[in-house]
Amino acid sequence: MLELRHLNKSYASGRPVLSDLSYRFNPGEFVAIMGDSGVGKSTLLNLVAGLDHPDAGGEAPILVDGIAMASLDDDAATKLRRQRMGFIFQAFHVLPHLTLLQNVALPLLLNGLPQQRAAEMLAAVGLQGREADYPHQLSGGEMQRVAIARALVHRPALVLADEPTGNLDPDTAQAILALLQREIRASGASTIMVTHSHAAAAMADRTLILTRAGLQDASFVKPSAQ
């Protein structure tokens, strides 16, 4: 589903953040990525999504479903991202001027798909009957539920989650993680979740630690003090 091949990325200052990173993720697997702040976790997600570009070098440093992201122009990358990926962000990015139903239905609309699944997904995340509400009427946990529904409504092959519980209290975070785990299991989506939380990482099938040396299985890395 996702393969990294000698991926390199430097900041605008020239300081390298990801160096010669190679890894193959298993299809249908829920993987958590942890690591110190500034090591490049969110940068990695942005590169996989095609929202940022790796440094010049190898011809195919990122492959999604066997497609080299570097080979796509902006329109093709946008189309692949829209059809094959779902995003869950720490800051939710729920559109304030749209109702909950309209927010969740947006990926369906952009992909020319039937709209009825939006209501089904709102019900799946516990927001049945709230379709006409607006984001300002929701708690943080409820907005994250909308974000999860929106990310999964079009049945993406790959879900990318960047600190999805970072703005939530512990009890709400645990409920959101259980919901996310249940919904991605039901959809069969491959999922990569960046997190600082060991409780969040424990919900995944496998945890990787991102260091300057690359991605390593957490079972072979001494836990951080965080």
C-alpha atoms as a PDB file:
ATOM      1  CA  MET A   1       0.000   0.000   0.000  1.00  0.00           C
ATOM      2  CA  LEU A   2       2.724   2.490   1.026  1.00  0.00           C
ATOM      3  CA  GLU A   3       6.442   2.236   0.445  1.00  0.00           C
ATOM      4  CA  LEU A   4       9.200   4.725   1.254  1.00  0.00           C
ATOM      5  CA  ARG A   5      12.431   4.438  -0.707  1.00  0.00           C
ATOM      6  CA  HIS A   6      15.446   6.455   0.409  1.00  0.00           C
ATOM      7  CA  LEU A   7      13.264   9.430   1.248  1.00  0.00           C
ATOM      8  CA  ASN A   8      15.046  12.700   2.053  1.00  0.00           C
ATOM      9  CA  LYS A   9      13.617  16.009   3.220  1.00  0.00           C
ATOM     10  CA  SER A  10      15.282  19.177   4.492  1.00  0.00           C
ATOM     11  CA  TYR A  11      13.781  22.310   6.005  1.00  0.00           C
ATOM     12  CA  ALA A  12      14.004  25.612   4.145  1.00  0.00           C
ATOM     13  CA  SER A  13      17.049  26.427   6.280  1.00  0.00           C
ATOM     14  CA  GLY A  14      18.810  23.441   4.766  1.00  0.00           C
ATOM     15  CA  ARG A  15      18.721  21.367   7.956  1.00  0.00           C
ATOM     16  CA  PRO A  16      17.823  17.753   7.120  1.00  0.00           C
ATOM     17  CA  VAL A  17      14.755  16.349   8.864  1.00  0.00           C
ATOM     18  CA  LEU A  18      14.363  12.980   7.098  1.00  0.00           C
ATOM     19  CA  SER A  19      17.444  11.238   5.717  1.00  0.00           C
ATOM     20  CA  ASP A  20      17.501   8.143   3.523  1.00  0.00           C
ATOM     21  CA  LEU A  21      14.253   6.864   5.045  1.00  0.00           C
ATOM     22  CA  SER A  22      13.044   3.512   3.686  1.00  0.00           C
ATOM     23  CA  TYR A  23      10.094   1.441   4.932  1.00  0.00           C
ATOM     24  CA  ARG A  24       7.275  -0.708   3.571  1.00  0.00           C
ATOM     25  CA  PHE A  25       3.894  -0.593   5.355  1.00  0.00           C
ATOM     26  CA  ASN A  26       1.616  -3.620   5.260  1.00  0.00           C
ATOM     27  CA  PRO A  27      -1.810  -3.272   3.571  1.00  0.00           C
ATOM     28  CA  GLY A  28      -4.722  -2.946   6.002  1.00  0.00           C
ATOM     29  CA  GLU A  29      -2.480  -2.343   9.008  1.00  0.00           C
ATOM     30  CA  PHE A  30      -2.993   0.333  11.685  1.00  0.00           C
ATOM     31  CA  VAL A  31       0.452   1.754  12.475  1.00  0.00           C
ATOM     32  CA  ALA A  32       1.308   4.382  15.087  1.00  0.00           C
ATOM     33  CA  ILE A  33       4.414   6.519  14.623  1.00  0.00           C
ATOM     34  CA  MET A  34       5.999   8.111  17.685  1.00  0.00           C
ATOM     35  CA  GLY A  35       9.185  10.084  18.212  1.00  0.00           C
ATOM     36  CA  ASP A  36      10.596  13.263  19.693  1.00  0.00           C
ATOM     37  CA  SER A  37       9.239  16.660  18.664  1.00  0.00           C
ATOM     38  CA  GLY A  38      10.902  17.985  15.522  1.00  0.00           C
ATOM     39  CA  VAL A  39      12.007  14.598  14.247  1.00  0.00           C
ATOM     40  CA  GLY A  40       9.744  14.842  11.186  1.00  0.00           C
ATOM     41  CA  LYS A  41       6.574  12.884  11.992  1.00  0.00           C
ATOM     42  CA  SER A  42       4.083  15.419  10.616  1.00  0.00           C
ATOM     43  CA  THR A  43       6.451  16.204   7.753  1.00  0.00           C
ATOM     44  CA  LEU A  44       6.368  12.532   6.818  1.00  0.00           C
ATOM     45  CA  LEU A  45       2.564  12.522   6.661  1.00  0.00           C
ATOM     46  CA  ASN A  46       2.563  15.644   4.494  1.00  0.00           C
ATOM     47  CA  LEU A  47       5.061  14.046   2.122  1.00  0.00           C
ATOM     48  CA  VAL A  48       3.024  10.843   1.846  1.00  0.00           C
ATOM     49  CA  ALA A  49      -0.070  12.911   1.064  1.00  0.00           C
ATOM     50  CA  GLY A  50       1.706  14.937  -1.579  1.00  0.00           C
ATOM     51  CA  LEU A  51       1.101  18.154   0.382  1.00  0.00           C
ATOM     52  CA  ASP A  52       4.865  18.628   0.537  1.00  0.00           C
ATOM     53  CA  HIS A  53       7.630  17.409  -1.736  1.00  0.00           C
ATOM     54  CA  PRO A  54      10.776  15.419  -0.913  1.00  0.00           C
ATOM     55  CA  ASP A  55      14.214  16.674  -1.781  1.00  0.00           C
ATOM     56  CA  ALA A  56      15.388  15.959  -5.307  1.00  0.00           C
ATOM     57  CA  GLY A  57      17.018  12.560  -5.635  1.00  0.00           C
ATOM     58  CA  GLY A  58      15.573   9.100  -6.218  1.00  0.00           C
ATOM     59  CA  GLU A  59      12.922   8.682  -8.876  1.00  0.00           C
ATOM     60  CA  ALA A  60      10.275   7.127  -6.601  1.00  0.00           C
ATOM     61  CA  PRO A  61      10.848   7.890  -2.896  1.00  0.00           C
ATOM     62  CA  ILE A  62       7.118   7.506  -2.072  1.00  0.00           C
ATOM     63  CA  LEU A  63       4.814   4.926  -3.648  1.00  0.00           C
ATOM     64  CA  VAL A  64       1.090   4.732  -2.856  1.00  0.00           C
ATOM     65  CA  ASP A  65      -0.609   1.682  -4.363  1.00  0.00           C
ATOM     66  CA  GLY A  66       2.475   1.320  -6.528  1.00  0.00           C
ATOM     67  CA  ILE A  67       2.124   4.868  -7.883  1.00  0.00           C
ATOM     68  CA  ALA A  68       5.153   7.133  -7.508  1.00  0.00           C
ATOM     69  CA  MET A  69       3.894  10.382  -5.970  1.00  0.00           C
ATOM     70  CA  ALA A  70       6.834  12.258  -7.515  1.00  0.00           C
ATOM     71  CA  SER A  71       5.638  11.279 -10.987  1.00  0.00           C
ATOM     72  CA  LEU A  72       2.282  13.060 -10.556  1.00  0.00           C
ATOM     73  CA  ASP A  73       1.556  16.654 -11.452  1.00  0.00           C
ATOM     74  CA  ASP A  74      -0.506  18.739  -9.014  1.00  0.00           C
ATOM     75  CA  ASP A  75      -3.846  17.780 -10.572  1.00  0.00           C
ATOM     76  CA  ALA A  76      -3.055  14.047 -10.566  1.00  0.00           C
ATOM     77  CA  ALA A  77      -1.752  14.194  -6.992  1.00  0.00           C
ATOM     78  CA  THR A  78      -4.916  16.011  -5.882  1.00  0.00           C
ATOM     79  CA  LYS A  79      -7.095  13.395  -7.583  1.00  0.00           C
ATOM     80  CA  LEU A  80      -5.207  10.486  -5.961  1.00  0.00           C
ATOM     81  CA  ARG A  81      -5.343  12.185  -2.563  1.00  0.00           C
ATOM     82  CA  ARG A  82      -9.071  12.894  -2.909  1.00  0.00           C
ATOM     83  CA  GLN A  83      -9.960   9.366  -4.014  1.00  0.00           C
ATOM     84  CA  ARG A  84      -7.542   7.149  -2.098  1.00  0.00           C
ATOM     85  CA  MET A  85      -6.747   8.998   1.142  1.00  0.00           C
ATOM     86  CA  GLY A  86      -8.532  10.274   4.228  1.00  0.00           C
ATOM     87  CA  PHE A  87      -7.157  12.797   6.710  1.00  0.00           C
ATOM     88  CA  ILE A  88      -7.709  13.310  10.433  1.00  0.00           C
ATOM     89  CA  PHE A  89      -5.992  16.361  11.897  1.00  0.00           C
ATOM     90  CA  GLN A  90      -5.329  17.485  15.455  1.00  0.00           C
ATOM     91  CA  ALA A  91      -7.072  20.805  14.726  1.00  0.00           C
ATOM     92  CA  PHE A  92     -10.091  19.014  13.181  1.00  0.00           C
ATOM     93  CA  HIS A  93     -10.356  21.306  10.077  1.00  0.00           C
ATOM     94  CA  VAL A  94     -14.148  20.986  10.123  1.00  0.00           C
ATOM     95  CA  LEU A  95     -15.580  23.721   7.861  1.00  0.00           C
ATOM     96  CA  PRO A  96     -17.572  26.145  10.049  1.00  0.00           C
ATOM     97  CA  HIS A  97     -19.992  27.335   7.355  1.00  0.00           C
ATOM     98  CA  LEU A  98     -21.173  23.814   6.486  1.00  0.00           C
ATOM     99  CA  THR A  99     -23.552  21.619   8.474  1.00  0.00           C
ATOM    100  CA  LEU A 100     -22.247  18.368   9.912  1.00  0.00           C
ATOM    101  CA  LEU A 101     -23.883  16.430   7.098  1.00  0.00           C
ATOM    102  CA  GLN A 102     -22.358  18.732   4.485  1.00  0.00           C
ATOM    103  CA  ASN A 103     -18.911  18.440   6.095  1.00  0.00           C
ATOM    104  CA  VAL A 104     -19.014  14.654   6.039  1.00  0.00           C
ATOM    105  CA  ALA A 105     -20.504  14.533   2.542  1.00  0.00           C
ATOM    106  CA  LEU A 106     -17.768  16.727   1.054  1.00  0.00           C
ATOM    107  CA  PRO A 107     -15.438  13.865  -0.036  1.00  0.00           C
ATOM    108  CA  LEU A 108     -18.424  12.117  -1.638  1.00  0.00           C
ATOM    109  CA  LEU A 109     -19.358  15.282  -3.511  1.00  0.00           C
ATOM    110  CA  LEU A 110     -15.792  15.844  -4.723  1.00  0.00           C
ATOM    111  CA  ASN A 111     -15.550  12.239  -5.926  1.00  0.00           C
ATOM    112  CA  GLY A 112     -18.969  12.199  -7.594  1.00  0.00           C
ATOM    113  CA  LEU A 113     -20.275   9.502  -5.243  1.00  0.00           C
ATOM    114  CA  PRO A 114     -23.802   9.039  -3.793  1.00  0.00           C
ATOM    115  CA  GLN A 115     -24.408  11.218  -0.749  1.00  0.00           C
ATOM    116  CA  GLN A 116     -26.423   8.892   1.498  1.00  0.00           C
ATOM    117  CA  ARG A 117     -23.356   7.369   3.139  1.00  0.00           C
ATOM    118  CA  ALA A 118     -22.697  10.709   4.882  1.00  0.00           C
ATOM    119  CA  ALA A 119     -25.712  10.233   7.161  1.00  0.00           C
ATOM    120  CA  GLU A 120     -24.695   6.618   7.760  1.00  0.00           C
ATOM    121  CA  MET A 121     -21.211   7.686   8.853  1.00  0.00           C
ATOM    122  CA  LEU A 122     -22.566  10.373  11.184  1.00  0.00           C
ATOM    123  CA  ALA A 123     -24.692   7.691  12.810  1.00  0.00           C
ATOM    124  CA  ALA A 124     -21.675   5.381  13.025  1.00  0.00           C
ATOM    125  CA  VAL A 125     -19.743   7.988  15.020  1.00  0.00           C
ATOM    126  CA  GLY A 126     -22.661   8.648  17.367  1.00  0.00           C
ATOM    127  CA  LEU A 127     -24.011  11.869  15.822  1.00  0.00           C
ATOM    128  CA  GLN A 128     -27.298  10.626  14.399  1.00  0.00           C
ATOM    129  CA  GLY A 129     -29.902  13.401  14.493  1.00  0.00           C
ATOM    130  CA  ARG A 130     -27.242  16.141  14.423  1.00  0.00           C
ATOM    131  CA  GLU A 131     -27.015  16.373  10.629  1.00  0.00           C
ATOM    132  CA  ALA A 132     -28.286  19.974  10.457  1.00  0.00           C
ATOM    133  CA  ASP A 133     -26.090  21.251  13.304  1.00  0.00           C
ATOM    134  CA  TYR A 134     -23.040  23.422  12.686  1.00  0.00           C
ATOM    135  CA  PRO A 135     -19.528  22.932  14.094  1.00  0.00           C
ATOM    136  CA  HIS A 136     -19.865  25.796  16.588  1.00  0.00           C
ATOM    137  CA  GLN A 137     -22.526  23.709  18.357  1.00  0.00           C
ATOM    138  CA  LEU A 138     -20.102  20.854  19.024  1.00  0.00           C
ATOM    139  CA  SER A 139     -17.573  19.966  21.668  1.00  0.00           C
ATOM    140  CA  GLY A 140     -13.988  19.166  20.675  1.00  0.00           C
ATOM    141  CA  GLY A 141     -14.685  15.447  20.902  1.00  0.00           C
ATOM    142  CA  GLU A 142     -17.752  15.778  18.712  1.00  0.00           C
ATOM    143  CA  MET A 143     -15.819  17.759  16.096  1.00  0.00           C
ATOM    144  CA  GLN A 144     -13.199  15.023  16.000  1.00  0.00           C
ATOM    145  CA  ARG A 145     -15.990  12.494  15.459  1.00  0.00           C
ATOM    146  CA  VAL A 146     -17.106  14.527  12.443  1.00  0.00           C
ATOM    147  CA  ALA A 147     -13.509  14.583  11.201  1.00  0.00           C
ATOM    148  CA  ILE A 148     -13.283  10.786  11.484  1.00  0.00           C
ATOM    149  CA  ALA A 149     -16.584  10.341   9.652  1.00  0.00           C
ATOM    150  CA  ARG A 150     -15.427  12.686   6.888  1.00  0.00           C
ATOM    151  CA  ALA A 151     -12.072  10.908   6.565  1.00  0.00           C
ATOM    152  CA  LEU A 152     -13.685   7.497   6.145  1.00  0.00           C
ATOM    153  CA  VAL A 153     -16.919   8.272   4.288  1.00  0.00           C
ATOM    154  CA  HIS A 154     -15.491   7.648   0.800  1.00  0.00           C
ATOM    155  CA  ARG A 155     -13.813   4.376   1.877  1.00  0.00           C
ATOM    156  CA  PRO A 156     -10.200   5.493   1.384  1.00  0.00           C
ATOM    157  CA  ALA A 157      -7.438   2.925   1.077  1.00  0.00           C
ATOM    158  CA  LEU A 158      -5.105   4.999   3.263  1.00  0.00           C
ATOM    159  CA  VAL A 159      -5.976   7.061   6.342  1.00  0.00           C
ATOM    160  CA  LEU A 160      -3.455   9.560   7.709  1.00  0.00           C
ATOM    161  CA  ALA A 161      -4.023  10.830  11.257  1.00  0.00           C
ATOM    162  CA  ASP A 162      -1.840  13.591  12.707  1.00  0.00           C
ATOM    163  CA  GLU A 163      -2.133  13.771  16.517  1.00  0.00           C
ATOM    164  CA  PRO A 164      -5.901  13.103  16.307  1.00  0.00           C
ATOM    165  CA  THR A 165      -6.400  13.313  20.086  1.00  0.00           C
ATOM    166  CA  GLY A 166      -3.929  16.092  20.877  1.00  0.00           C
ATOM    167  CA  ASN A 167      -6.647  18.666  21.698  1.00  0.00           C
ATOM    168  CA  LEU A 168      -8.879  16.329  23.699  1.00  0.00           C
ATOM    169  CA  ASP A 169      -9.152  15.474  27.377  1.00  0.00           C
ATOM    170  CA  PRO A 170      -8.043  11.920  28.322  1.00  0.00           C
ATOM    171  CA  ASP A 171     -11.528  10.407  28.579  1.00  0.00           C
ATOM    172  CA  THR A 172     -12.672  11.914  25.284  1.00  0.00           C
ATOM    173  CA  ALA A 173      -9.387  10.930  23.644  1.00  0.00           C
ATOM    174  CA  GLN A 174      -9.857   7.308  24.672  1.00  0.00           C
ATOM    175  CA  ALA A 175     -13.389   7.264  23.272  1.00  0.00           C
ATOM    176  CA  ILE A 176     -12.208   8.817  19.992  1.00  0.00           C
ATOM    177  CA  LEU A 177      -9.381   6.281  19.677  1.00  0.00           C
ATOM    178  CA  ALA A 178     -11.778   3.374  20.220  1.00  0.00           C
ATOM    179  CA  LEU A 179     -14.090   4.857  17.598  1.00  0.00           C
ATOM    180  CA  LEU A 180     -11.244   5.338  15.126  1.00  0.00           C
ATOM    181  CA  GLN A 181     -10.003   1.798  15.678  1.00  0.00           C
ATOM    182  CA  ARG A 182     -13.481   0.357  15.176  1.00  0.00           C
ATOM    183  CA  GLU A 183     -14.215   2.348  12.027  1.00  0.00           C
ATOM    184  CA  ILE A 184     -10.924   1.644  10.277  1.00  0.00           C
ATOM    185  CA  ARG A 185     -11.286  -2.052  11.112  1.00  0.00           C
ATOM    186  CA  ALA A 186     -14.719  -1.980   9.481  1.00  0.00           C
ATOM    187  CA  SER A 187     -13.426  -0.183   6.383  1.00  0.00           C
ATOM    188  CA  GLY A 188     -10.195  -2.189   6.032  1.00  0.00           C
ATOM    189  CA  ALA A 189      -8.197   1.003   5.472  1.00  0.00           C
ATOM    190  CA  SER A 190      -4.463   1.128   6.000  1.00  0.00           C
ATOM    191  CA  THR A 191      -3.847   3.734   8.699  1.00  0.00           C
ATOM    192  CA  ILE A 192      -0.805   5.717   9.805  1.00  0.00           C
ATOM    193  CA  MET A 193      -1.263   7.726  12.996  1.00  0.00           C
ATOM    194  CA  VAL A 194       1.344  10.168  14.278  1.00  0.00           C
ATOM    195  CA  THR A 195       1.079  10.594  18.041  1.00  0.00           C
ATOM    196  CA  HIS A 196       2.976  11.538  21.187  1.00  0.00           C
ATOM    197  CA  SER A 197       0.555   9.504  23.288  1.00  0.00           C
ATOM    198  CA  HIS A 198       1.495   5.984  24.394  1.00  0.00           C
ATOM    199  CA  ALA A 199      -2.203   5.345  25.114  1.00  0.00           C
ATOM    200  CA  ALA A 200      -3.041   6.236  21.510  1.00  0.00           C
ATOM    201  CA  ALA A 201      -0.212   4.123  20.140  1.00  0.00           C
ATOM    202  CA  ALA A 202      -1.460   1.146  22.156  1.00  0.00           C
ATOM    203  CA  MET A 203      -4.609   1.087  20.004  1.00  0.00           C
ATOM    204  CA  ALA A 204      -2.588   0.412  16.848  1.00  0.00           C
ATOM    205  CA  ASP A 205      -1.486  -2.951  15.477  1.00  0.00           C
ATOM    206  CA  ARG A 206       2.127  -1.849  15.606  1.00  0.00           C
ATOM    207  CA  THR A 207       4.150   1.119  16.835  1.00  0.00           C
ATOM    208  CA  LEU A 208       7.166   2.567  15.061  1.00  0.00           C
ATOM    209  CA  ILE A 209       9.602   5.105  16.457  1.00  0.00           C
ATOM    210  CA  LEU A 210      10.918   7.750  14.065  1.00  0.00           C
ATOM    211  CA  THR A 211      14.475   8.813  14.876  1.00  0.00           C
ATOM    212  CA  ARG A 212      17.312  10.339  12.891  1.00  0.00           C
ATOM    213  CA  ALA A 213      18.264   6.750  12.068  1.00  0.00           C
ATOM    214  CA  GLY A 214      14.871   6.022  10.464  1.00  0.00           C
ATOM    215  CA  LEU A 215      11.756   4.062  11.434  1.00  0.00           C
ATOM    216  CA  GLN A 216      12.263   1.308  13.973  1.00  0.00           C
ATOM    217  CA  ASP A 217       9.866  -1.116  15.618  1.00  0.00           C
ATOM    218  CA  ALA A 218       9.077   0.149  19.119  1.00  0.00           C
ATOM    219  CA  SER A 219       9.842  -3.243  20.644  1.00  0.00           C
ATOM    220  CA  PHE A 220      13.500  -2.661  19.776  1.00  0.00           C
ATOM    221  CA  VAL A 221      13.667   0.940  21.018  1.00  0.00           C
ATOM    222  CA  LYS A 222      13.975   2.095  24.604  1.00  0.00           C
ATOM    223  CA  PRO A 223      10.768   4.008  25.516  1.00  0.00           C
ATOM    224  CA  SER A 224      11.135   7.786  25.814  1.00  0.00           C
ATOM    225  CA  ALA A 225      10.368   9.596  29.028  1.00  0.00           C
ATOM    226  CA  GLN A 226       7.283  11.254  27.494  1.00  0.00           C
END
